[in-house]
Amino acid sequence: KGYDFSDWIIVFSNPKEIKSNLDKINQLFK
């Protein structure tokens, strides 16, 4: 919805959220 040409910063308060969602983060990164 319009943020596709923006730079992104995602702040995770819980490191487990990062590790358990690596595939989804990688898809978004791509």
PDB file of all heavy atoms in Angstrom:
ATOM      1  N   LYS A   1       0.810  -1.221   0.000  1.00  0.00           N
ATOM      2  CA  LYS A   1       0.000   0.000   0.000  1.00  0.00           C
ATOM      3  C   LYS A   1       0.841   1.267   0.000  1.00  0.00           C
ATOM      4  O   LYS A   1       0.467   2.263   0.594  1.00  0.00           O
ATOM      5  CB  LYS A   1      -0.940  -0.007   1.209  1.00  0.00           C
ATOM      6  CG  LYS A   1      -2.000  -1.075   1.098  1.00  0.00           C
ATOM      7  CD  LYS A   1      -2.935  -1.058   2.268  1.00  0.00           C
ATOM      8  CE  LYS A   1      -3.987  -2.151   2.114  1.00  0.00           C
ATOM      9  NZ  LYS A   1      -4.844  -2.260   3.260  1.00  0.00           N
ATOM     10  N   GLY A   2       1.974   1.228  -0.684  1.00  0.00           N
ATOM     11  CA  GLY A   2       2.683   2.482  -0.899  1.00  0.00           C
ATOM     12  C   GLY A   2       4.033   2.633  -0.242  1.00  0.00           C
ATOM     13  O   GLY A   2       4.725   3.608  -0.505  1.00  0.00           O
ATOM     14  N   TYR A   3       4.420   1.705   0.622  1.00  0.00           N
ATOM     15  CA  TYR A   3       5.728   1.822   1.245  1.00  0.00           C
ATOM     16  C   TYR A   3       6.774   0.959   0.544  1.00  0.00           C
ATOM     17  O   TYR A   3       7.852   0.731   1.069  1.00  0.00           O
ATOM     18  CB  TYR A   3       5.658   1.439   2.729  1.00  0.00           C
ATOM     19  CG  TYR A   3       4.838   2.396   3.539  1.00  0.00           C
ATOM     20  CD1 TYR A   3       3.578   2.046   4.012  1.00  0.00           C
ATOM     21  CD2 TYR A   3       5.323   3.665   3.836  1.00  0.00           C
ATOM     22  CE1 TYR A   3       2.812   2.934   4.749  1.00  0.00           C
ATOM     23  CE2 TYR A   3       4.568   4.558   4.576  1.00  0.00           C
ATOM     24  CZ  TYR A   3       3.316   4.184   5.037  1.00  0.00           C
ATOM     25  OH  TYR A   3       2.581   5.064   5.760  1.00  0.00           O
ATOM     26  N   ASP A   4       6.460   0.498  -0.663  1.00  0.00           N
ATOM     27  CA  ASP A   4       7.375  -0.370  -1.383  1.00  0.00           C
ATOM     28  C   ASP A   4       8.625   0.361  -1.867  1.00  0.00           C
ATOM     29  O   ASP A   4       9.661  -0.251  -2.080  1.00  0.00           O
ATOM     30  CB  ASP A   4       6.668  -1.072  -2.550  1.00  0.00           C
ATOM     31  CG  ASP A   4       5.933  -0.107  -3.459  1.00  0.00           C
ATOM     32  OD1 ASP A   4       5.562   0.987  -2.999  1.00  0.00           O
ATOM     33  OD2 ASP A   4       5.723  -0.462  -4.632  1.00  0.00           O
ATOM     34  N   PHE A   5       8.566   1.661  -2.026  1.00  0.00           N
ATOM     35  CA  PHE A   5       9.735   2.422  -2.448  1.00  0.00           C
ATOM     36  C   PHE A   5      10.299   3.259  -1.304  1.00  0.00           C
ATOM     37  O   PHE A   5      10.801   4.356  -1.506  1.00  0.00           O
ATOM     38  CB  PHE A   5       9.411   3.293  -3.665  1.00  0.00           C
ATOM     39  CG  PHE A   5       9.340   2.484  -4.929  1.00  0.00           C
ATOM     40  CD1 PHE A   5       8.127   2.058  -5.427  1.00  0.00           C
ATOM     41  CD2 PHE A   5      10.497   2.119  -5.583  1.00  0.00           C
ATOM     42  CE1 PHE A   5       8.058   1.289  -6.576  1.00  0.00           C
ATOM     43  CE2 PHE A   5      10.452   1.350  -6.738  1.00  0.00           C
ATOM     44  CZ  PHE A   5       9.230   0.926  -7.236  1.00  0.00           C
ATOM     45  N   SER A   6      10.217   2.726  -0.106  1.00  0.00           N
ATOM     46  CA  SER A   6      10.771   3.363   1.081  1.00  0.00           C
ATOM     47  C   SER A   6      11.828   2.447   1.680  1.00  0.00           C
ATOM     48  O   SER A   6      11.815   1.242   1.468  1.00  0.00           O
ATOM     49  CB  SER A   6       9.682   3.587   2.138  1.00  0.00           C
ATOM     50  OG  SER A   6       8.642   4.363   1.618  1.00  0.00           O
ATOM     51  N   ASP A   7      12.736   3.031   2.429  1.00  0.00           N
ATOM     52  CA  ASP A   7      13.650   2.235   3.242  1.00  0.00           C
ATOM     53  C   ASP A   7      12.894   1.832   4.508  1.00  0.00           C
ATOM     54  O   ASP A   7      12.023   2.567   4.976  1.00  0.00           O
ATOM     55  CB  ASP A   7      14.893   3.054   3.598  1.00  0.00           C
ATOM     56  CG  ASP A   7      15.729   3.374   2.375  1.00  0.00           C
ATOM     57  OD1 ASP A   7      16.189   2.424   1.724  1.00  0.00           O
ATOM     58  OD2 ASP A   7      15.912   4.561   2.070  1.00  0.00           O
ATOM     59  N   TRP A   8      13.245   0.671   5.058  1.00  0.00           N
ATOM     60  CA  TRP A   8      12.519   0.130   6.201  1.00  0.00           C
ATOM     61  C   TRP A   8      13.446  -0.110   7.387  1.00  0.00           C
ATOM     62  O   TRP A   8      14.566  -0.587   7.228  1.00  0.00           O
ATOM     63  CB  TRP A   8      11.906  -1.216   5.844  1.00  0.00           C
ATOM     64  CG  TRP A   8      10.725  -1.182   4.937  1.00  0.00           C
ATOM     65  CD1 TRP A   8      10.621  -0.514   3.747  1.00  0.00           C
ATOM     66  CD2 TRP A   8       9.489  -1.851   5.108  1.00  0.00           C
ATOM     67  NE1 TRP A   8       9.397  -0.740   3.187  1.00  0.00           N
ATOM     68  CE2 TRP A   8       8.685  -1.566   4.000  1.00  0.00           C
ATOM     69  CE3 TRP A   8       8.985  -2.687   6.094  1.00  0.00           C
ATOM     70  CZ2 TRP A   8       7.404  -2.065   3.846  1.00  0.00           C
ATOM     71  CZ3 TRP A   8       7.715  -3.206   5.943  1.00  0.00           C
ATOM     72  CH2 TRP A   8       6.934  -2.883   4.836  1.00  0.00           C
ATOM     73  N   ILE A   9      12.928   0.200   8.576  1.00  0.00           N
ATOM     74  CA  ILE A   9      13.566  -0.180   9.832  1.00  0.00           C
ATOM     75  C   ILE A   9      12.509  -0.941  10.617  1.00  0.00           C
ATOM     76  O   ILE A   9      11.405  -0.428  10.829  1.00  0.00           O
ATOM     77  CB  ILE A   9      14.035   1.046  10.651  1.00  0.00           C
ATOM     78  CG1 ILE A   9      15.100   1.825   9.891  1.00  0.00           C
ATOM     79  CG2 ILE A   9      14.544   0.604  12.024  1.00  0.00           C
ATOM     80  CD1 ILE A   9      15.477   3.141  10.542  1.00  0.00           C
ATOM     81  N   ILE A  10      12.843  -2.157  11.016  1.00  0.00           N
ATOM     82  CA  ILE A  10      11.910  -2.942  11.829  1.00  0.00           C
ATOM     83  C   ILE A  10      12.567  -3.186  13.175  1.00  0.00           C
ATOM     84  O   ILE A  10      13.660  -3.757  13.253  1.00  0.00           O
ATOM     85  CB  ILE A  10      11.543  -4.274  11.161  1.00  0.00           C
ATOM     86  CG1 ILE A  10      10.960  -4.030   9.773  1.00  0.00           C
ATOM     87  CG2 ILE A  10      10.555  -5.042  12.037  1.00  0.00           C
ATOM     88  CD1 ILE A  10      10.623  -5.292   9.014  1.00  0.00           C
ATOM     89  N   VAL A  11      11.908  -2.726  14.226  1.00  0.00           N
ATOM     90  CA  VAL A  11      12.415  -2.847  15.588  1.00  0.00           C
ATOM     91  C   VAL A  11      11.663  -3.997  16.259  1.00  0.00           C
ATOM     92  O   VAL A  11      10.444  -3.932  16.428  1.00  0.00           O
ATOM     93  CB  VAL A  11      12.199  -1.544  16.386  1.00  0.00           C
ATOM     94  CG1 VAL A  11      12.772  -1.675  17.790  1.00  0.00           C
ATOM     95  CG2 VAL A  11      12.800  -0.356  15.645  1.00  0.00           C
ATOM     96  N   PHE A  12      12.409  -5.034  16.604  1.00  0.00           N
ATOM     97  CA  PHE A  12      11.824  -6.181  17.284  1.00  0.00           C
ATOM     98  C   PHE A  12      12.158  -6.095  18.772  1.00  0.00           C
ATOM     99  O   PHE A  12      13.330  -6.034  19.142  1.00  0.00           O
ATOM    100  CB  PHE A  12      12.386  -7.493  16.736  1.00  0.00           C
ATOM    101  CG  PHE A  12      11.886  -7.847  15.370  1.00  0.00           C
ATOM    102  CD1 PHE A  12      12.593  -7.487  14.236  1.00  0.00           C
ATOM    103  CD2 PHE A  12      10.709  -8.551  15.214  1.00  0.00           C
ATOM    104  CE1 PHE A  12      12.144  -7.828  12.976  1.00  0.00           C
ATOM    105  CE2 PHE A  12      10.245  -8.891  13.961  1.00  0.00           C
ATOM    106  CZ  PHE A  12      10.957  -8.529  12.839  1.00  0.00           C
ATOM    107  N   SER A  13      11.147  -6.118  19.610  1.00  0.00           N
ATOM    108  CA  SER A  13      11.391  -6.097  21.047  1.00  0.00           C
ATOM    109  C   SER A  13      11.775  -7.481  21.558  1.00  0.00           C
ATOM    110  O   SER A  13      12.443  -7.611  22.571  1.00  0.00           O
ATOM    111  CB  SER A  13      10.163  -5.581  21.795  1.00  0.00           C
ATOM    112  OG  SER A  13       9.041  -6.385  21.494  1.00  0.00           O
ATOM    113  N   ASN A  14      11.375  -8.523  20.844  1.00  0.00           N
ATOM    114  CA  ASN A  14      11.629  -9.891  21.269  1.00  0.00           C
ATOM    115  C   ASN A  14      12.488 -10.598  20.216  1.00  0.00           C
ATOM    116  O   ASN A  14      12.045 -10.788  19.087  1.00  0.00           O
ATOM    117  CB  ASN A  14      10.296 -10.625  21.447  1.00  0.00           C
ATOM    118  CG  ASN A  14      10.452 -12.031  21.960  1.00  0.00           C
ATOM    119  OD1 ASN A  14      11.547 -12.546  22.062  1.00  0.00           O
ATOM    120  ND2 ASN A  14       9.348 -12.647  22.269  1.00  0.00           N
ATOM    121  N   PRO A  15      13.705 -11.011  20.559  1.00  0.00           N
ATOM    122  CA  PRO A  15      14.560 -11.670  19.575  1.00  0.00           C
ATOM    123  C   PRO A  15      13.989 -12.994  19.063  1.00  0.00           C
ATOM    124  O   PRO A  15      14.301 -13.419  17.950  1.00  0.00           O
ATOM    125  CB  PRO A  15      15.878 -11.889  20.314  1.00  0.00           C
ATOM    126  CG  PRO A  15      15.573 -11.737  21.745  1.00  0.00           C
ATOM    127  CD  PRO A  15      14.358 -10.867  21.848  1.00  0.00           C
ATOM    128  N   LYS A  16      13.141 -13.623  19.832  1.00  0.00           N
ATOM    129  CA  LYS A  16      12.525 -14.882  19.380  1.00  0.00           C
ATOM    130  C   LYS A  16      11.633 -14.650  18.167  1.00  0.00           C
ATOM    131  O   LYS A  16      11.480 -15.520  17.323  1.00  0.00           O
ATOM    132  CB  LYS A  16      11.715 -15.520  20.506  1.00  0.00           C
ATOM    133  CG  LYS A  16      12.575 -16.044  21.627  1.00  0.00           C
ATOM    134  CD  LYS A  16      11.735 -16.627  22.736  1.00  0.00           C
ATOM    135  CE  LYS A  16      12.621 -17.056  23.895  1.00  0.00           C
ATOM    136  NZ  LYS A  16      11.855 -17.520  25.035  1.00  0.00           N
ATOM    137  N   GLU A  17      11.038 -13.467  18.065  1.00  0.00           N
ATOM    138  CA  GLU A  17      10.203 -13.128  16.915  1.00  0.00           C
ATOM    139  C   GLU A  17      11.036 -13.114  15.631  1.00  0.00           C
ATOM    140  O   GLU A  17      10.550 -13.471  14.569  1.00  0.00           O
ATOM    141  CB  GLU A  17       9.543 -11.765  17.101  1.00  0.00           C
ATOM    142  CG  GLU A  17       8.492 -11.719  18.168  1.00  0.00           C
ATOM    143  CD  GLU A  17       7.239 -12.480  17.774  1.00  0.00           C
ATOM    144  OE1 GLU A  17       6.867 -12.480  16.594  1.00  0.00           O
ATOM    145  OE2 GLU A  17       6.642 -13.095  18.669  1.00  0.00           O
ATOM    146  N   ILE A  18      12.271 -12.700  15.740  1.00  0.00           N
ATOM    147  CA  ILE A  18      13.135 -12.650  14.560  1.00  0.00           C
ATOM    148  C   ILE A  18      13.491 -14.069  14.129  1.00  0.00           C
ATOM    149  O   ILE A  18      13.299 -14.444  12.976  1.00  0.00           O
ATOM    150  CB  ILE A  18      14.425 -11.859  14.854  1.00  0.00           C
ATOM    151  CG1 ILE A  18      14.090 -10.430  15.283  1.00  0.00           C
ATOM    152  CG2 ILE A  18      15.335 -11.847  13.640  1.00  0.00           C
ATOM    153  CD1 ILE A  18      15.273  -9.662  15.826  1.00  0.00           C
ATOM    154  N   LYS A  19      13.978 -14.843  15.058  1.00  0.00           N
ATOM    155  CA  LYS A  19      14.441 -16.190  14.734  1.00  0.00           C
ATOM    156  C   LYS A  19      13.321 -17.097  14.251  1.00  0.00           C
ATOM    157  O   LYS A  19      13.511 -17.908  13.354  1.00  0.00           O
ATOM    158  CB  LYS A  19      15.142 -16.802  15.936  1.00  0.00           C
ATOM    159  CG  LYS A  19      16.451 -16.116  16.257  1.00  0.00           C
ATOM    160  CD  LYS A  19      17.121 -16.733  17.452  1.00  0.00           C
ATOM    161  CE  LYS A  19      18.376 -15.985  17.814  1.00  0.00           C
ATOM    162  NZ  LYS A  19      19.028 -16.555  18.979  1.00  0.00           N
ATOM    163  N   SER A  20      12.151 -16.945  14.815  1.00  0.00           N
ATOM    164  CA  SER A  20      11.055 -17.827  14.421  1.00  0.00           C
ATOM    165  C   SER A  20      10.416 -17.413  13.090  1.00  0.00           C
ATOM    166  O   SER A  20       9.616 -18.157  12.532  1.00  0.00           O
ATOM    167  CB  SER A  20       9.995 -17.884  15.524  1.00  0.00           C
ATOM    168  OG  SER A  20       9.406 -16.625  15.715  1.00  0.00           O
ATOM    169  N   ASN A  21      10.765 -16.239  12.581  1.00  0.00           N
ATOM    170  CA  ASN A  21      10.170 -15.744  11.333  1.00  0.00           C
ATOM    171  C   ASN A  21      11.212 -15.388  10.281  1.00  0.00           C
ATOM    172  O   ASN A  21      10.980 -14.526   9.441  1.00  0.00           O
ATOM    173  CB  ASN A  21       9.301 -14.522  11.630  1.00  0.00           C
ATOM    174  CG  ASN A  21       8.064 -14.893  12.390  1.00  0.00           C
ATOM    175  OD1 ASN A  21       7.196 -15.576  11.864  1.00  0.00           O
ATOM    176  ND2 ASN A  21       7.978 -14.476  13.640  1.00  0.00           N
ATOM    177  N   LEU A  22      12.335 -16.068  10.304  1.00  0.00           N
ATOM    178  CA  LEU A  22      13.414 -15.744   9.358  1.00  0.00           C
ATOM    179  C   LEU A  22      12.968 -15.847   7.907  1.00  0.00           C
ATOM    180  O   LEU A  22      13.335 -15.010   7.080  1.00  0.00           O
ATOM    181  CB  LEU A  22      14.611 -16.656   9.592  1.00  0.00           C
ATOM    182  CG  LEU A  22      15.534 -16.267  10.737  1.00  0.00           C
ATOM    183  CD1 LEU A  22      16.627 -17.301  10.904  1.00  0.00           C
ATOM    184  CD2 LEU A  22      16.123 -14.899  10.520  1.00  0.00           C
ATOM    185  N   ASP A  23      12.179 -16.852   7.577  1.00  0.00           N
ATOM    186  CA  ASP A  23      11.719 -17.004   6.192  1.00  0.00           C
ATOM    187  C   ASP A  23      10.885 -15.817   5.750  1.00  0.00           C
ATOM    188  O   ASP A  23      11.054 -15.297   4.645  1.00  0.00           O
ATOM    189  CB  ASP A  23      10.910 -18.295   6.018  1.00  0.00           C
ATOM    190  CG  ASP A  23      11.774 -19.536   6.127  1.00  0.00           C
ATOM    191  OD1 ASP A  23      12.995 -19.434   5.923  1.00  0.00           O
ATOM    192  OD2 ASP A  23      11.215 -20.602   6.415  1.00  0.00           O
ATOM    193  N   LYS A  24       9.997 -15.367   6.626  1.00  0.00           N
ATOM    194  CA  LYS A  24       9.132 -14.236   6.282  1.00  0.00           C
ATOM    195  C   LYS A  24       9.939 -12.941   6.190  1.00  0.00           C
ATOM    196  O   LYS A  24       9.683 -12.109   5.318  1.00  0.00           O
ATOM    197  CB  LYS A  24       8.013 -14.108   7.301  1.00  0.00           C
ATOM    198  CG  LYS A  24       7.038 -15.265   7.242  1.00  0.00           C
ATOM    199  CD  LYS A  24       5.975 -15.139   8.294  1.00  0.00           C
ATOM    200  CE  LYS A  24       5.045 -16.338   8.248  1.00  0.00           C
ATOM    201  NZ  LYS A  24       4.051 -16.296   9.308  1.00  0.00           N
ATOM    202  N   ILE A  25      10.898 -12.791   7.090  1.00  0.00           N
ATOM    203  CA  ILE A  25      11.759 -11.601   7.023  1.00  0.00           C
ATOM    204  C   ILE A  25      12.564 -11.618   5.730  1.00  0.00           C
ATOM    205  O   ILE A  25      12.720 -10.596   5.062  1.00  0.00           O
ATOM    206  CB  ILE A  25      12.691 -11.527   8.250  1.00  0.00           C
ATOM    207  CG1 ILE A  25      11.882 -11.326   9.530  1.00  0.00           C
ATOM    208  CG2 ILE A  25      13.714 -10.402   8.092  1.00  0.00           C
ATOM    209  CD1 ILE A  25      12.700 -11.453  10.794  1.00  0.00           C
ATOM    210  N   ASN A  26      13.052 -12.784   5.362  1.00  0.00           N
ATOM    211  CA  ASN A  26      13.823 -12.895   4.126  1.00  0.00           C
ATOM    212  C   ASN A  26      12.968 -12.570   2.902  1.00  0.00           C
ATOM    213  O   ASN A  26      13.430 -11.901   1.976  1.00  0.00           O
ATOM    214  CB  ASN A  26      14.427 -14.295   4.007  1.00  0.00           C
ATOM    215  CG  ASN A  26      15.499 -14.367   2.962  1.00  0.00           C
ATOM    216  OD1 ASN A  26      16.219 -13.411   2.729  1.00  0.00           O
ATOM    217  ND2 ASN A  26      15.598 -15.504   2.311  1.00  0.00           N
ATOM    218  N   GLN A  27      11.718 -13.002   2.879  1.00  0.00           N
ATOM    219  CA  GLN A  27      10.820 -12.670   1.776  1.00  0.00           C
ATOM    220  C   GLN A  27      10.613 -11.161   1.679  1.00  0.00           C
ATOM    221  O   GLN A  27      10.654 -10.588   0.588  1.00  0.00           O
ATOM    222  CB  GLN A  27       9.469 -13.363   1.952  1.00  0.00           C
ATOM    223  CG  GLN A  27       9.511 -14.856   1.762  1.00  0.00           C
ATOM    224  CD  GLN A  27       8.198 -15.514   2.154  1.00  0.00           C
ATOM    225  OE1 GLN A  27       7.225 -14.843   2.519  1.00  0.00           O
ATOM    226  NE2 GLN A  27       8.169 -16.832   2.093  1.00  0.00           N
ATOM    227  N   LEU A  28      10.391 -10.525   2.821  1.00  0.00           N
ATOM    228  CA  LEU A  28      10.220  -9.082   2.843  1.00  0.00           C
ATOM    229  C   LEU A  28      11.506  -8.374   2.403  1.00  0.00           C
ATOM    230  O   LEU A  28      11.470  -7.412   1.636  1.00  0.00           O
ATOM    231  CB  LEU A  28       9.799  -8.624   4.240  1.00  0.00           C
ATOM    232  CG  LEU A  28       9.469  -7.155   4.407  1.00  0.00           C
ATOM    233  CD1 LEU A  28       8.274  -6.767   3.538  1.00  0.00           C
ATOM    234  CD2 LEU A  28       9.179  -6.845   5.864  1.00  0.00           C
ATOM    235  N   PHE A  29      12.642  -8.867   2.868  1.00  0.00           N
ATOM    236  CA  PHE A  29      13.940  -8.316   2.486  1.00  0.00           C
ATOM    237  C   PHE A  29      14.123  -8.359   0.968  1.00  0.00           C
ATOM    238  O   PHE A  29      14.554  -7.382   0.357  1.00  0.00           O
ATOM    239  CB  PHE A  29      15.058  -9.093   3.195  1.00  0.00           C
ATOM    240  CG  PHE A  29      16.435  -8.741   2.745  1.00  0.00           C
ATOM    241  CD1 PHE A  29      17.021  -7.547   3.126  1.00  0.00           C
ATOM    242  CD2 PHE A  29      17.157  -9.611   1.948  1.00  0.00           C
ATOM    243  CE1 PHE A  29      18.302  -7.220   2.706  1.00  0.00           C
ATOM    244  CE2 PHE A  29      18.433  -9.297   1.523  1.00  0.00           C
ATOM    245  CZ  PHE A  29      19.007  -8.101   1.907  1.00  0.00           C
ATOM    246  N   LYS A  30      13.772  -9.476   0.362  1.00  0.00           N
ATOM    247  CA  LYS A  30      13.908  -9.610  -1.090  1.00  0.00           C
ATOM    248  C   LYS A  30      13.001  -8.627  -1.826  1.00  0.00           C
ATOM    249  O   LYS A  30      13.410  -8.027  -2.821  1.00  0.00           O
ATOM    250  CB  LYS A  30      13.604 -11.036  -1.512  1.00  0.00           C
ATOM    251  CG  LYS A  30      14.702 -12.001  -1.152  1.00  0.00           C
ATOM    252  CD  LYS A  30      14.341 -13.420  -1.530  1.00  0.00           C
ATOM    253  CE  LYS A  30      15.434 -14.380  -1.113  1.00  0.00           C
ATOM    254  NZ  LYS A  30      15.083 -15.783  -1.392  1.00  0.00           N
TER     255      LYS A  30
END
